[in-house]
Amino acid sequence: MKDGKQGDDDVEEHTDRSEETVAFEHYDWENGDRPSIAVAEAVAAVTNRSVTALPPLQESVDADALDAVVRSGDEPAVRVSVEYAGTTVTVTGDGRLEIDTGAV
């Protein structure tokens, strides 16, 4: 995260319930935030489940590959979408993560 804190206390999010999409725009992939961890935590928060109640992310996407691609340095150009735990998750290289709960 850009301010060095983790958790839901400082989450900048935009919710558009008409499209059932929640966007988190505060990640700093170059300085410690791992896209794979962020995906699991964000999906848990949006679906009101604990991270441990979700299926392993590795069943949907290679977590190491996701981290490597998103952190590749092609900031605005990188955009990865994956279906995970009944949602469609899109991660971008510039620190944005979108959860669409109505797409799957």
N, C-alpha and C. Protein backbone atom coordinates (compact mmCIF):
# COMPACT_ATOMS: atom_id res chain seq x y z
N MET A 1 0.84 -1.17 0.00
CA MET A 1 0.00 0.00 0.00
C MET A 1 0.89 1.23 0.00
N LYS A 2 0.43 2.26 -0.53
CA LYS A 2 1.26 3.43 -0.69
C LYS A 2 1.65 4.05 0.63
N ASP A 3 0.81 3.94 1.65
CA ASP A 3 1.14 4.56 2.93
C ASP A 3 1.82 3.59 3.89
N GLY A 4 2.11 2.37 3.44
CA GLY A 4 2.83 1.43 4.26
C GLY A 4 1.99 0.66 5.26
N LYS A 5 0.70 0.92 5.31
CA LYS A 5 -0.18 0.21 6.25
C LYS A 5 -0.94 -0.86 5.51
N GLN A 6 -1.33 -1.90 6.21
CA GLN A 6 -2.17 -2.93 5.62
C GLN A 6 -3.42 -3.08 6.46
N GLY A 7 -4.46 -3.57 5.84
CA GLY A 7 -5.72 -3.78 6.55
C GLY A 7 -6.83 -2.98 5.93
N ASP A 8 -8.01 -3.13 6.46
CA ASP A 8 -9.18 -2.47 5.90
C ASP A 8 -9.38 -1.05 6.40
N ASP A 9 -8.60 -0.61 7.40
CA ASP A 9 -8.81 0.70 7.99
C ASP A 9 -8.59 1.84 7.01
N ASP A 10 -7.68 1.66 6.06
CA ASP A 10 -7.33 2.76 5.17
C ASP A 10 -7.65 2.45 3.72
N VAL A 11 -8.57 1.55 3.47
CA VAL A 11 -8.89 1.15 2.12
C VAL A 11 -9.62 2.28 1.40
N GLU A 12 -9.04 2.66 0.25
CA GLU A 12 -9.72 3.60 -0.61
C GLU A 12 -10.51 2.76 -1.59
N GLU A 13 -11.80 2.87 -1.58
CA GLU A 13 -12.57 2.05 -2.49
C GLU A 13 -13.71 2.85 -3.07
N HIS A 14 -14.15 2.38 -4.23
CA HIS A 14 -15.29 2.97 -4.89
C HIS A 14 -16.27 1.83 -5.13
N THR A 15 -17.47 2.00 -4.72
CA THR A 15 -18.47 0.96 -4.90
C THR A 15 -19.55 1.45 -5.84
N ASP A 16 -19.81 0.69 -6.87
CA ASP A 16 -20.90 0.98 -7.80
C ASP A 16 -21.80 -0.24 -7.78
N ARG A 17 -22.76 -0.25 -6.90
CA ARG A 17 -23.61 -1.43 -6.69
C ARG A 17 -24.47 -1.73 -7.91
N SER A 18 -24.71 -0.76 -8.79
CA SER A 18 -25.51 -1.04 -9.98
C SER A 18 -24.78 -2.04 -10.88
N GLU A 19 -23.47 -2.00 -10.88
CA GLU A 19 -22.69 -2.94 -11.66
C GLU A 19 -22.06 -4.02 -10.79
N GLU A 20 -22.25 -3.92 -9.48
CA GLU A 20 -21.73 -4.88 -8.53
C GLU A 20 -20.21 -5.00 -8.61
N THR A 21 -19.54 -3.87 -8.75
CA THR A 21 -18.08 -3.82 -8.83
C THR A 21 -17.53 -2.96 -7.71
N VAL A 22 -16.49 -3.45 -7.06
CA VAL A 22 -15.79 -2.69 -6.03
C VAL A 22 -14.35 -2.53 -6.51
N ALA A 23 -13.84 -1.30 -6.45
CA ALA A 23 -12.47 -1.04 -6.88
C ALA A 23 -11.63 -0.56 -5.71
N PHE A 24 -10.45 -1.12 -5.60
CA PHE A 24 -9.46 -0.70 -4.61
C PHE A 24 -8.32 -0.07 -5.40
N GLU A 25 -7.93 1.15 -5.04
CA GLU A 25 -6.97 1.89 -5.86
C GLU A 25 -5.74 2.32 -5.09
N HIS A 26 -5.27 1.54 -4.17
CA HIS A 26 -4.21 2.01 -3.28
C HIS A 26 -2.99 1.11 -3.18
N TYR A 27 -2.86 0.14 -4.04
CA TYR A 27 -1.76 -0.82 -3.90
C TYR A 27 -0.46 -0.29 -4.52
N ASP A 28 0.63 -0.70 -3.95
CA ASP A 28 1.95 -0.35 -4.43
C ASP A 28 2.72 -1.65 -4.66
N TRP A 29 2.59 -2.20 -5.85
CA TRP A 29 3.15 -3.52 -6.14
C TRP A 29 4.67 -3.53 -6.05
N GLU A 30 5.32 -2.42 -6.34
CA GLU A 30 6.78 -2.37 -6.33
C GLU A 30 7.36 -2.35 -4.91
N ASN A 31 6.60 -1.89 -3.95
CA ASN A 31 7.14 -1.71 -2.59
C ASN A 31 6.48 -2.61 -1.56
N GLY A 32 6.23 -3.85 -1.93
CA GLY A 32 5.82 -4.81 -0.92
C GLY A 32 4.45 -5.44 -1.07
N ASP A 33 3.48 -4.75 -1.64
CA ASP A 33 2.17 -5.37 -1.78
C ASP A 33 2.26 -6.49 -2.83
N ARG A 34 1.73 -7.66 -2.49
CA ARG A 34 1.72 -8.79 -3.43
C ARG A 34 0.33 -8.89 -4.04
N PRO A 35 0.24 -8.83 -5.36
CA PRO A 35 -1.06 -8.93 -6.01
C PRO A 35 -1.85 -10.17 -5.59
N SER A 36 -1.20 -11.30 -5.46
CA SER A 36 -1.92 -12.53 -5.10
C SER A 36 -2.54 -12.43 -3.71
N ILE A 37 -1.84 -11.85 -2.77
CA ILE A 37 -2.38 -11.67 -1.42
C ILE A 37 -3.51 -10.64 -1.44
N ALA A 38 -3.31 -9.57 -2.19
CA ALA A 38 -4.33 -8.52 -2.28
C ALA A 38 -5.63 -9.05 -2.87
N VAL A 39 -5.53 -9.92 -3.86
CA VAL A 39 -6.73 -10.51 -4.47
C VAL A 39 -7.53 -11.27 -3.42
N ALA A 40 -6.88 -12.15 -2.67
CA ALA A 40 -7.58 -12.95 -1.66
C ALA A 40 -8.20 -12.06 -0.59
N GLU A 41 -7.45 -11.07 -0.11
CA GLU A 41 -7.97 -10.19 0.94
C GLU A 41 -9.13 -9.34 0.43
N ALA A 42 -9.03 -8.84 -0.79
CA ALA A 42 -10.10 -8.00 -1.33
C ALA A 42 -11.37 -8.81 -1.59
N VAL A 43 -11.22 -10.00 -2.14
CA VAL A 43 -12.40 -10.85 -2.39
C VAL A 43 -13.05 -11.22 -1.06
N ALA A 44 -12.26 -11.53 -0.06
CA ALA A 44 -12.81 -11.84 1.26
C ALA A 44 -13.59 -10.64 1.80
N ALA A 45 -13.05 -9.45 1.69
CA ALA A 45 -13.72 -8.25 2.20
C ALA A 45 -15.02 -7.98 1.45
N VAL A 46 -15.00 -8.11 0.14
CA VAL A 46 -16.18 -7.79 -0.67
C VAL A 46 -17.28 -8.83 -0.50
N THR A 47 -16.90 -10.08 -0.29
CA THR A 47 -17.90 -11.15 -0.16
C THR A 47 -18.24 -11.48 1.28
N ASN A 48 -17.69 -10.70 2.22
CA ASN A 48 -17.94 -10.90 3.65
C ASN A 48 -17.60 -12.31 4.12
N ARG A 49 -16.45 -12.79 3.66
CA ARG A 49 -15.94 -14.09 4.10
C ARG A 49 -14.52 -13.90 4.61
N SER A 50 -14.05 -14.83 5.39
CA SER A 50 -12.65 -14.76 5.80
C SER A 50 -11.79 -15.32 4.68
N VAL A 51 -10.55 -14.92 4.65
CA VAL A 51 -9.63 -15.41 3.62
C VAL A 51 -9.53 -16.93 3.69
N THR A 52 -9.56 -17.48 4.89
CA THR A 52 -9.44 -18.93 5.04
C THR A 52 -10.69 -19.69 4.57
N ALA A 53 -11.81 -18.99 4.42
CA ALA A 53 -13.03 -19.63 3.93
C ALA A 53 -13.07 -19.67 2.40
N LEU A 54 -12.18 -18.94 1.75
CA LEU A 54 -12.11 -18.93 0.29
C LEU A 54 -11.30 -20.11 -0.22
N PRO A 55 -11.57 -20.55 -1.45
CA PRO A 55 -10.72 -21.61 -2.01
C PRO A 55 -9.31 -21.06 -2.23
N PRO A 56 -8.31 -21.92 -2.28
CA PRO A 56 -6.96 -21.44 -2.55
C PRO A 56 -6.90 -20.72 -3.89
N LEU A 57 -6.28 -19.56 -3.91
CA LEU A 57 -6.15 -18.78 -5.15
C LEU A 57 -5.45 -19.61 -6.22
N GLN A 58 -4.54 -20.46 -5.80
CA GLN A 58 -3.76 -21.28 -6.73
C GLN A 58 -4.64 -22.17 -7.59
N GLU A 59 -5.88 -22.44 -7.16
CA GLU A 59 -6.80 -23.23 -7.97
C GLU A 59 -7.33 -22.45 -9.16
N SER A 60 -7.23 -21.12 -9.11
CA SER A 60 -7.74 -20.26 -10.19
C SER A 60 -6.63 -19.68 -11.06
N VAL A 61 -5.48 -19.42 -10.46
CA VAL A 61 -4.38 -18.78 -11.18
C VAL A 61 -3.07 -19.10 -10.47
N ASP A 62 -2.00 -19.18 -11.22
CA ASP A 62 -0.68 -19.37 -10.61
C ASP A 62 -0.32 -18.07 -9.89
N ALA A 63 -0.33 -18.09 -8.57
CA ALA A 63 -0.13 -16.88 -7.76
C ALA A 63 1.24 -16.24 -8.01
N ASP A 64 2.28 -17.05 -8.16
CA ASP A 64 3.61 -16.50 -8.43
C ASP A 64 3.65 -15.81 -9.80
N ALA A 65 3.00 -16.41 -10.78
CA ALA A 65 2.96 -15.80 -12.11
C ALA A 65 2.16 -14.50 -12.08
N LEU A 66 1.05 -14.48 -11.35
CA LEU A 66 0.27 -13.26 -11.22
C LEU A 66 1.12 -12.15 -10.62
N ASP A 67 1.83 -12.46 -9.55
CA ASP A 67 2.70 -11.47 -8.91
C ASP A 67 3.75 -10.96 -9.90
N ALA A 68 4.37 -11.87 -10.64
CA ALA A 68 5.44 -11.49 -11.57
C ALA A 68 4.92 -10.62 -12.72
N VAL A 69 3.78 -10.99 -13.28
CA VAL A 69 3.24 -10.23 -14.41
C VAL A 69 2.81 -8.83 -13.96
N VAL A 70 2.11 -8.74 -12.86
CA VAL A 70 1.62 -7.44 -12.40
C VAL A 70 2.78 -6.54 -11.98
N ARG A 71 3.84 -7.13 -11.46
CA ARG A 71 5.00 -6.35 -11.03
C ARG A 71 6.03 -6.17 -12.14
N SER A 72 5.69 -6.50 -13.37
CA SER A 72 6.66 -6.51 -14.47
C SER A 72 7.22 -5.15 -14.85
N GLY A 73 6.58 -4.08 -14.43
CA GLY A 73 7.08 -2.76 -14.75
C GLY A 73 6.31 -2.07 -15.86
N ASP A 74 5.40 -2.77 -16.51
CA ASP A 74 4.57 -2.17 -17.56
C ASP A 74 3.31 -1.60 -16.94
N GLU A 75 3.49 -0.72 -15.96
CA GLU A 75 2.41 -0.26 -15.09
C GLU A 75 1.04 -0.12 -15.74
N PRO A 76 0.80 0.88 -16.56
CA PRO A 76 -0.58 1.05 -17.03
C PRO A 76 -1.01 -0.02 -18.02
N ALA A 77 -0.06 -0.66 -18.68
CA ALA A 77 -0.41 -1.64 -19.71
C ALA A 77 -0.83 -2.99 -19.14
N VAL A 78 -0.38 -3.34 -17.95
CA VAL A 78 -0.69 -4.65 -17.38
C VAL A 78 -2.11 -4.66 -16.84
N ARG A 79 -2.86 -5.66 -17.29
CA ARG A 79 -4.24 -5.83 -16.82
C ARG A 79 -4.53 -7.33 -16.87
N VAL A 80 -4.72 -7.94 -15.70
CA VAL A 80 -4.96 -9.37 -15.60
C VAL A 80 -6.31 -9.59 -14.94
N SER A 81 -7.14 -10.43 -15.58
CA SER A 81 -8.45 -10.77 -15.00
C SER A 81 -8.51 -12.27 -14.77
N VAL A 82 -9.14 -12.64 -13.66
CA VAL A 82 -9.26 -14.05 -13.30
C VAL A 82 -10.58 -14.25 -12.55
N GLU A 83 -11.19 -15.39 -12.76
CA GLU A 83 -12.39 -15.74 -12.00
C GLU A 83 -11.92 -16.43 -10.72
N TYR A 84 -12.42 -15.93 -9.58
CA TYR A 84 -12.00 -16.46 -8.29
C TYR A 84 -13.11 -16.34 -7.28
N ALA A 85 -13.47 -17.44 -6.66
CA ALA A 85 -14.45 -17.49 -5.57
C ALA A 85 -15.76 -16.80 -5.92
N GLY A 86 -16.26 -17.05 -7.12
CA GLY A 86 -17.54 -16.49 -7.53
C GLY A 86 -17.49 -15.04 -7.96
N THR A 87 -16.29 -14.51 -8.20
CA THR A 87 -16.12 -13.14 -8.64
C THR A 87 -15.19 -13.10 -9.85
N THR A 88 -15.18 -11.97 -10.53
CA THR A 88 -14.15 -11.72 -11.53
C THR A 88 -13.27 -10.63 -10.97
N VAL A 89 -11.99 -10.91 -10.88
CA VAL A 89 -11.03 -9.98 -10.30
C VAL A 89 -10.12 -9.47 -11.41
N THR A 90 -9.95 -8.16 -11.47
CA THR A 90 -9.03 -7.55 -12.42
C THR A 90 -7.97 -6.79 -11.65
N VAL A 91 -6.71 -7.08 -11.94
CA VAL A 91 -5.58 -6.44 -11.28
C VAL A 91 -4.80 -5.68 -12.35
N THR A 92 -4.44 -4.43 -12.06
CA THR A 92 -3.66 -3.65 -13.02
C THR A 92 -2.29 -3.31 -12.43
N GLY A 93 -1.37 -3.03 -13.29
CA GLY A 93 -0.01 -2.73 -12.87
C GLY A 93 0.13 -1.43 -12.12
N ASP A 94 -0.86 -0.55 -12.22
CA ASP A 94 -0.76 0.75 -11.56
C ASP A 94 -1.41 0.77 -10.18
N GLY A 95 -1.66 -0.41 -9.59
CA GLY A 95 -2.13 -0.48 -8.21
C GLY A 95 -3.63 -0.53 -8.03
N ARG A 96 -4.35 -0.89 -9.06
CA ARG A 96 -5.81 -0.97 -8.98
C ARG A 96 -6.24 -2.44 -9.00
N LEU A 97 -7.26 -2.72 -8.21
CA LEU A 97 -7.83 -4.06 -8.15
C LEU A 97 -9.34 -3.90 -8.15
N GLU A 98 -10.03 -4.55 -9.07
CA GLU A 98 -11.49 -4.48 -9.17
C GLU A 98 -12.08 -5.86 -8.93
N ILE A 99 -13.14 -5.89 -8.15
CA ILE A 99 -13.86 -7.13 -7.87
C ILE A 99 -15.27 -6.96 -8.42
N ASP A 100 -15.65 -7.81 -9.36
CA ASP A 100 -16.99 -7.80 -9.93
C ASP A 100 -17.71 -9.04 -9.40
N THR A 101 -18.70 -8.81 -8.55
CA THR A 101 -19.41 -9.92 -7.93
C THR A 101 -20.58 -10.42 -8.76
N GLY A 102 -20.92 -9.72 -9.83
CA GLY A 102 -22.05 -10.13 -10.64
C GLY A 102 -21.67 -10.73 -11.98
N ALA A 103 -20.40 -10.88 -12.24
CA ALA A 103 -19.96 -11.31 -13.56
C ALA A 103 -19.90 -12.81 -13.73
N VAL A 104 -19.82 -13.56 -12.65
CA VAL A 104 -19.65 -15.00 -12.78
C VAL A 104 -20.97 -15.70 -12.58
